[in-house]
């Protein structure tokens, strides 16, 4: 079955519109990721500071030799939950992420900071997606909302600091 000339042209126009919309859709996400990386790339060469030392360097649950079971029975700082000195903060997903970072890159702070920047990019893109399909009728408004979220200074500590970034994403 063949289609006539006008039907073929209509199909071609529909395909071209679809390609243009897909390019615009991908371009928005690429712009958000680029902006996040641009804003927070200066934090990539930061050191482990303050709580980072206690939650990562001094935490036995983060080290590759410790039992995975401890991650689910200890608090965020590596102490038994039943212990009187325990902080009683339970964040196993954050500790698993720290442990994966240590397995892949050792205690090098760069890898921890790269993960935080990637998480911020992911959360920013998820915000735009959610706004686009659940909040706003206009995809332009969703993009502007995500753009403001990506660059807002309130996120500086959460993205630049290792502990704060993981707690924001998983805590």
C-alpha atoms as a PDB file:
ATOM      1  CA  UNK A   1       0.000   0.000   0.000  1.00  0.00           C
ATOM      2  CA  UNK A   2       1.495   3.299  -1.051  1.00  0.00           C
ATOM      3  CA  UNK A   3       0.653   6.740   0.194  1.00  0.00           C
ATOM      4  CA  UNK A   4      -0.132   9.669  -2.013  1.00  0.00           C
ATOM      5  CA  UNK A   5       2.021  12.771  -2.348  1.00  0.00           C
ATOM      6  CA  UNK A   6       0.126  14.983   0.145  1.00  0.00           C
ATOM      7  CA  UNK A   7       0.024  12.176   2.748  1.00  0.00           C
ATOM      8  CA  UNK A   8       3.778  11.614   2.388  1.00  0.00           C
ATOM      9  CA  UNK A   9       4.465  15.321   2.861  1.00  0.00           C
ATOM     10  CA  UNK A  10       2.267  15.408   5.979  1.00  0.00           C
ATOM     11  CA  UNK A  11       4.156  12.420   7.402  1.00  0.00           C
ATOM     12  CA  UNK A  12       7.491  14.073   6.628  1.00  0.00           C
ATOM     13  CA  UNK A  13       6.375  17.282   8.325  1.00  0.00           C
ATOM     14  CA  UNK A  14       5.220  15.300  11.379  1.00  0.00           C
ATOM     15  CA  UNK A  15       8.587  13.488  11.548  1.00  0.00           C
ATOM     16  CA  UNK A  16      10.467  16.787  11.213  1.00  0.00           C
ATOM     17  CA  UNK A  17       8.368  18.317  14.018  1.00  0.00           C
ATOM     18  CA  UNK A  18       9.079  15.275  16.190  1.00  0.00           C
ATOM     19  CA  UNK A  19      12.834  15.535  15.512  1.00  0.00           C
ATOM     20  CA  UNK A  20      12.800  19.253  16.319  1.00  0.00           C
ATOM     21  CA  UNK A  21      10.913  18.620  19.576  1.00  0.00           C
ATOM     22  CA  UNK A  22      13.357  15.840  20.540  1.00  0.00           C
ATOM     23  CA  UNK A  23      16.323  18.123  19.836  1.00  0.00           C
ATOM     24  CA  UNK A  24      14.761  20.901  21.916  1.00  0.00           C
ATOM     25  CA  UNK A  25      14.025  18.425  24.718  1.00  0.00           C
ATOM     26  CA  UNK A  26      17.598  17.068  24.714  1.00  0.00           C
ATOM     27  CA  UNK A  27      19.053  20.554  24.389  1.00  0.00           C
ATOM     28  CA  UNK A  28      17.311  21.708  27.561  1.00  0.00           C
ATOM     29  CA  UNK A  29      18.693  18.804  29.561  1.00  0.00           C
ATOM     30  CA  UNK A  30      22.159  19.335  28.085  1.00  0.00           C
ATOM     31  CA  UNK A  31      21.987  23.029  28.983  1.00  0.00           C
ATOM     32  CA  UNK A  32      20.998  22.222  32.579  1.00  0.00           C
ATOM     33  CA  UNK A  33      23.774  19.662  33.011  1.00  0.00           C
ATOM     34  CA  UNK A  34      26.321  22.039  31.480  1.00  0.00           C
ATOM     35  CA  UNK A  35      25.228  24.850  33.771  1.00  0.00           C
ATOM     36  CA  UNK A  36      25.423  22.618  36.872  1.00  0.00           C
ATOM     37  CA  UNK A  37      28.910  21.458  35.929  1.00  0.00           C
ATOM     38  CA  UNK A  38      29.999  25.015  35.190  1.00  0.00           C
ATOM     39  CA  UNK A  39      28.683  26.304  38.536  1.00  0.00           C
ATOM     40  CA  UNK A  40      30.185  23.559  40.686  1.00  0.00           C
ATOM     41  CA  UNK A  41      33.327  22.508  38.824  1.00  0.00           C
ATOM     42  CA  UNK A  42      35.362  24.772  41.104  1.00  0.00           C
ATOM     43  CA  UNK A  43      34.534  22.453  44.029  1.00  0.00           C
ATOM     44  CA  UNK A  44      36.007  19.350  42.388  1.00  0.00           C
ATOM     45  CA  UNK A  45      39.477  19.863  43.816  1.00  0.00           C
ATOM     46  CA  UNK A  46      38.317  20.503  47.388  1.00  0.00           C
ATOM     47  CA  UNK A  47      39.520  18.433  50.328  1.00  0.00           C
ATOM     48  CA  UNK A  48      37.722  16.300  52.884  1.00  0.00           C
ATOM     49  CA  UNK A  49      36.783  18.701  55.699  1.00  0.00           C
ATOM     50  CA  UNK A  50      34.834  18.794  58.974  1.00  0.00           C
ATOM     51  CA  UNK A  51      32.238  15.997  59.058  1.00  0.00           C
ATOM     52  CA  UNK A  52      33.728  14.404  55.925  1.00  0.00           C
ATOM     53  CA  UNK A  53      36.683  13.169  57.980  1.00  0.00           C
ATOM     54  CA  UNK A  54      34.470  11.534  60.612  1.00  0.00           C
ATOM     55  CA  UNK A  55      31.901  10.091  58.223  1.00  0.00           C
ATOM     56  CA  UNK A  56      34.353   8.835  55.595  1.00  0.00           C
ATOM     57  CA  UNK A  57      37.974   8.617  56.743  1.00  0.00           C
ATOM     58  CA  UNK A  58      37.282   7.532  60.333  1.00  0.00           C
ATOM     59  CA  UNK A  59      34.183   5.451  59.552  1.00  0.00           C
ATOM     60  CA  UNK A  60      34.990   1.708  59.598  1.00  0.00           C
ATOM     61  CA  UNK A  61      31.856   0.889  57.544  1.00  0.00           C
ATOM     62  CA  UNK A  62      33.217   2.790  54.538  1.00  0.00           C
ATOM     63  CA  UNK A  63      36.398   0.709  54.333  1.00  0.00           C
ATOM     64  CA  UNK A  64      36.370  -2.213  51.886  1.00  0.00           C
ATOM     65  CA  UNK A  65      37.353  -4.802  54.518  1.00  0.00           C
ATOM     66  CA  UNK A  66      34.329  -4.274  56.762  1.00  0.00           C
ATOM     67  CA  UNK A  67      31.154  -6.326  56.588  1.00  0.00           C
ATOM     68  CA  UNK A  68      28.292  -5.011  54.478  1.00  0.00           C
ATOM     69  CA  UNK A  69      25.949  -6.030  57.287  1.00  0.00           C
ATOM     70  CA  UNK A  70      27.457  -3.286  59.470  1.00  0.00           C
ATOM     71  CA  UNK A  71      26.138  -0.632  57.098  1.00  0.00           C
ATOM     72  CA  UNK A  72      22.599  -1.715  57.951  1.00  0.00           C
ATOM     73  CA  UNK A  73      23.138  -2.103  61.705  1.00  0.00           C
ATOM     74  CA  UNK A  74      25.353   0.923  62.425  1.00  0.00           C
ATOM     75  CA  UNK A  75      24.594   4.618  62.394  1.00  0.00           C
ATOM     76  CA  UNK A  76      25.882   7.129  59.855  1.00  0.00           C
ATOM     77  CA  UNK A  77      29.154   7.525  61.744  1.00  0.00           C
ATOM     78  CA  UNK A  78      29.946   3.780  62.002  1.00  0.00           C
ATOM     79  CA  UNK A  79      28.828   3.185  65.589  1.00  0.00           C
ATOM     80  CA  UNK A  80      26.393   0.443  66.616  1.00  0.00           C
ATOM     81  CA  UNK A  81      22.851   1.835  66.844  1.00  0.00           C
ATOM     82  CA  UNK A  82      22.441   0.197  70.274  1.00  0.00           C
ATOM     83  CA  UNK A  83      25.522   1.998  71.614  1.00  0.00           C
ATOM     84  CA  UNK A  84      24.837   4.865  74.045  1.00  0.00           C
ATOM     85  CA  UNK A  85      27.246   7.120  72.122  1.00  0.00           C
ATOM     86  CA  UNK A  86      25.494   6.467  68.797  1.00  0.00           C
ATOM     87  CA  UNK A  87      24.111   9.496  66.994  1.00  0.00           C
ATOM     88  CA  UNK A  88      21.125   7.307  65.953  1.00  0.00           C
ATOM     89  CA  UNK A  89      21.285   8.668  62.400  1.00  0.00           C
ATOM     90  CA  UNK A  90      20.548   5.835  59.982  1.00  0.00           C
ATOM     91  CA  UNK A  91      21.593   6.468  56.356  1.00  0.00           C
ATOM     92  CA  UNK A  92      22.708   3.175  54.799  1.00  0.00           C
ATOM     93  CA  UNK A  93      22.396   4.391  51.183  1.00  0.00           C
ATOM     94  CA  UNK A  94      24.802   7.272  51.855  1.00  0.00           C
ATOM     95  CA  UNK A  95      27.313   4.913  53.484  1.00  0.00           C
ATOM     96  CA  UNK A  96      26.984   2.469  50.574  1.00  0.00           C
ATOM     97  CA  UNK A  97      27.715   5.332  48.189  1.00  0.00           C
ATOM     98  CA  UNK A  98      30.776   6.366  50.203  1.00  0.00           C
ATOM     99  CA  UNK A  99      31.969   2.768  50.205  1.00  0.00           C
ATOM    100  CA  UNK A 100      31.510   2.494  46.440  1.00  0.00           C
ATOM    101  CA  UNK A 101      33.482   5.731  46.026  1.00  0.00           C
ATOM    102  CA  UNK A 102      36.297   4.297  48.171  1.00  0.00           C
ATOM    103  CA  UNK A 103      36.295   1.022  46.204  1.00  0.00           C
ATOM    104  CA  UNK A 104      36.466   2.816  42.850  1.00  0.00           C
ATOM    105  CA  UNK A 105      38.716   5.766  43.654  1.00  0.00           C
ATOM    106  CA  UNK A 106      40.176   5.282  47.112  1.00  0.00           C
ATOM    107  CA  UNK A 107      40.045   8.157  49.548  1.00  0.00           C
ATOM    108  CA  UNK A 108      40.698  10.703  46.804  1.00  0.00           C
ATOM    109  CA  UNK A 109      38.299  13.614  47.442  1.00  0.00           C
ATOM    110  CA  UNK A 110      37.963  14.306  43.703  1.00  0.00           C
ATOM    111  CA  UNK A 111      35.759  11.264  43.158  1.00  0.00           C
ATOM    112  CA  UNK A 112      33.476  12.176  46.026  1.00  0.00           C
ATOM    113  CA  UNK A 113      33.047  15.687  44.612  1.00  0.00           C
ATOM    114  CA  UNK A 114      32.407  14.361  41.085  1.00  0.00           C
ATOM    115  CA  UNK A 115      29.631  12.145  42.457  1.00  0.00           C
ATOM    116  CA  UNK A 116      28.063  15.146  44.240  1.00  0.00           C
ATOM    117  CA  UNK A 117      28.102  17.240  41.061  1.00  0.00           C
ATOM    118  CA  UNK A 118      26.600  14.325  39.098  1.00  0.00           C
ATOM    119  CA  UNK A 119      23.888  13.918  41.733  1.00  0.00           C
ATOM    120  CA  UNK A 120      23.072  17.635  41.514  1.00  0.00           C
ATOM    121  CA  UNK A 121      22.820  17.350  37.723  1.00  0.00           C
ATOM    122  CA  UNK A 122      20.513  14.347  38.094  1.00  0.00           C
ATOM    123  CA  UNK A 123      18.268  16.037  40.650  1.00  0.00           C
ATOM    124  CA  UNK A 124      18.065  19.162  38.487  1.00  0.00           C
ATOM    125  CA  UNK A 125      17.022  17.133  35.438  1.00  0.00           C
ATOM    126  CA  UNK A 126      14.474  15.194  37.505  1.00  0.00           C
ATOM    127  CA  UNK A 127      13.044  18.481  38.736  1.00  0.00           C
ATOM    128  CA  UNK A 128      12.590  19.722  35.176  1.00  0.00           C
ATOM    129  CA  UNK A 129      11.010  16.432  34.140  1.00  0.00           C
ATOM    130  CA  UNK A 130       8.621  16.487  37.110  1.00  0.00           C
ATOM    131  CA  UNK A 131       7.697  20.124  36.553  1.00  0.00           C
ATOM    132  CA  UNK A 132       7.171  19.542  32.864  1.00  0.00           C
ATOM    133  CA  UNK A 133       4.817  16.592  33.296  1.00  0.00           C
ATOM    134  CA  UNK A 134       3.181  17.232  36.673  1.00  0.00           C
ATOM    135  CA  UNK A 135       3.326  20.908  37.590  1.00  0.00           C
ATOM    136  CA  UNK A 136       3.401  23.325  34.651  1.00  0.00           C
ATOM    137  CA  UNK A 137       1.574  23.213  31.361  1.00  0.00           C
ATOM    138  CA  UNK A 138       4.471  25.025  29.712  1.00  0.00           C
ATOM    139  CA  UNK A 139       7.779  23.217  29.239  1.00  0.00           C
ATOM    140  CA  UNK A 140       9.455  26.628  29.215  1.00  0.00           C
ATOM    141  CA  UNK A 141       8.335  27.251  32.807  1.00  0.00           C
ATOM    142  CA  UNK A 142       9.662  23.840  33.824  1.00  0.00           C
ATOM    143  CA  UNK A 143      12.999  24.699  32.243  1.00  0.00           C
ATOM    144  CA  UNK A 144      13.179  28.076  34.025  1.00  0.00           C
ATOM    145  CA  UNK A 145      12.317  26.449  37.375  1.00  0.00           C
ATOM    146  CA  UNK A 146      15.053  23.845  36.909  1.00  0.00           C
ATOM    147  CA  UNK A 147      17.468  26.523  35.735  1.00  0.00           C
ATOM    148  CA  UNK A 148      16.909  28.530  38.918  1.00  0.00           C
ATOM    149  CA  UNK A 149      17.269  25.372  41.005  1.00  0.00           C
ATOM    150  CA  UNK A 150      20.539  24.482  39.256  1.00  0.00           C
ATOM    151  CA  UNK A 151      22.258  27.765  40.012  1.00  0.00           C
ATOM    152  CA  UNK A 152      20.660  28.830  43.284  1.00  0.00           C
ATOM    153  CA  UNK A 153      23.330  29.598  45.909  1.00  0.00           C
ATOM    154  CA  UNK A 154      21.475  27.681  48.621  1.00  0.00           C
ATOM    155  CA  UNK A 155      22.788  24.465  47.018  1.00  0.00           C
ATOM    156  CA  UNK A 156      26.459  25.444  47.302  1.00  0.00           C
ATOM    157  CA  UNK A 157      27.092  23.703  50.609  1.00  0.00           C
ATOM    158  CA  UNK A 158      25.082  20.655  49.577  1.00  0.00           C
ATOM    159  CA  UNK A 159      26.983  20.177  46.310  1.00  0.00           C
ATOM    160  CA  UNK A 160      30.444  21.318  47.377  1.00  0.00           C
ATOM    161  CA  UNK A 161      30.513  19.472  50.705  1.00  0.00           C
ATOM    162  CA  UNK A 162      30.630  15.697  50.482  1.00  0.00           C
ATOM    163  CA  UNK A 163      28.558  14.836  53.538  1.00  0.00           C
ATOM    164  CA  UNK A 164      25.931  17.512  52.959  1.00  0.00           C
ATOM    165  CA  UNK A 165      25.546  16.494  49.319  1.00  0.00           C
ATOM    166  CA  UNK A 166      24.985  12.834  50.082  1.00  0.00           C
ATOM    167  CA  UNK A 167      22.597  13.637  52.914  1.00  0.00           C
ATOM    168  CA  UNK A 168      20.609  15.893  50.588  1.00  0.00           C
ATOM    169  CA  UNK A 169      20.387  13.213  47.926  1.00  0.00           C
ATOM    170  CA  UNK A 170      19.869  10.133  50.060  1.00  0.00           C
ATOM    171  CA  UNK A 171      19.278  11.289  53.633  1.00  0.00           C
END
